[in-house]
Amino acid sequence: MISTVDYHTGGEPFRIVTGGVPEIPGRDVLTRRENAPGHADHVRRLLCHEPRGHADMYGCFLVPPDDAGAHLGVLFWHKDGFSTACGHGTIALGAYAVHEGLVEADPDGETDVVVDVPSGRVTARVRCSGGRVEAVTFVSVPSYVLARDVAAAGTRVDLSYGGAIYASVPAGALGLSVEPRHLTALVEHARRIKAALAGHPATRHPADDRLSGVYGVIFYDELPDDDEGHARQRNVTVFADGEVDRSPCGSGSAARMALLHEAGLRGTLVHESVVGSVFRARVARVTGEGIVPEIEGMAYRTGRHVFELDPADPIGTGFTLR
């Protein structure tokens, strides 16, 4: 019996597993991520694959934080394994922690929910009014540019880190735009770009090789500034093996802000997704490691579930069709 509380952030699912997961050993969250496939991969598959999930499903296991300085420890997962960062998930975890009373919140103010994730310690800053959660701001790990204008699969990409490594490319460079009608073509391009960058020196994390490798490819369109003069872009992030992020992508937004800040942006980025949902991103501060981005969004609870696996079920832990 596996219990979950499900959310969506900007349309992107986030399944929080609250019970039924075997203990995953490790001295810290990053080490637990290394050990998770050998201890809890069957649970990931059960909850992520069809018929209980789908090829674009996303979720997490709650684990102990690295120390008493954080409220939660988290292992993020998708259909292909375990990721190092997840901004939309962190936003959902902030809402979840307040909704469930795990963190006492100011009913008319901001409350920080501190979360240890494989890429480091992040914060979900939960804003409440009248006791109701109104918005959550994801405060990322330091983010920075790794390389620009790198050749990959017939195009040029910029590489940056926002808790995971992303390759950014304007959709127009491929003769496409960030629209649902172009998703199939964008997914195909993302797979080719990611394969072309496998093992590339510019995709190595400078401090910890466990964080190396391109996690996602971000396709973006430049849009006119909004009425308040804020910069606007529309993006779709294709991560893992062809998964499509319905939200504007939290850690991807952090990686985009590193590139945009280096290029001179000093205000807010209104970051739109392929389904029209919006994050608002800005730089909170600049450190020796890079910028610290803040990405504001909102998550909504969609349900509570108790899943089970009948031992006689020939489908077992499920399947994916792509």
Foldseek 3Di string as FASTA:
>chain_A
DWKWWWKFFLNQIETETDDDFDAQDDLAQLRSQVRCCVGGVLVVLLCAFPPNHAQQHKYWYWDPHNDPVALTEIWIAHNQGTAQDFQSNQQVVVQVCLVVVSDPADQAAWDWHWYQTSLGIKIWIFGHHNNHTDKTKIWFDFKAWLAFQPDFDHGGWTWIFTSAIETEDAPVRVVDALAPVCLVVVLVVWQRRQVRCVPPPSQADPPDRSRGGHFKYKYKDWDDADPVRATEMEIWIQGDNGHIGSALTRSVVSRVVNVVVVVPDQDWYFYAYNVGATKIKHFPDADPRHTTMMIMTHMDTDDMDDDDDDPPDPQRSHDHPD
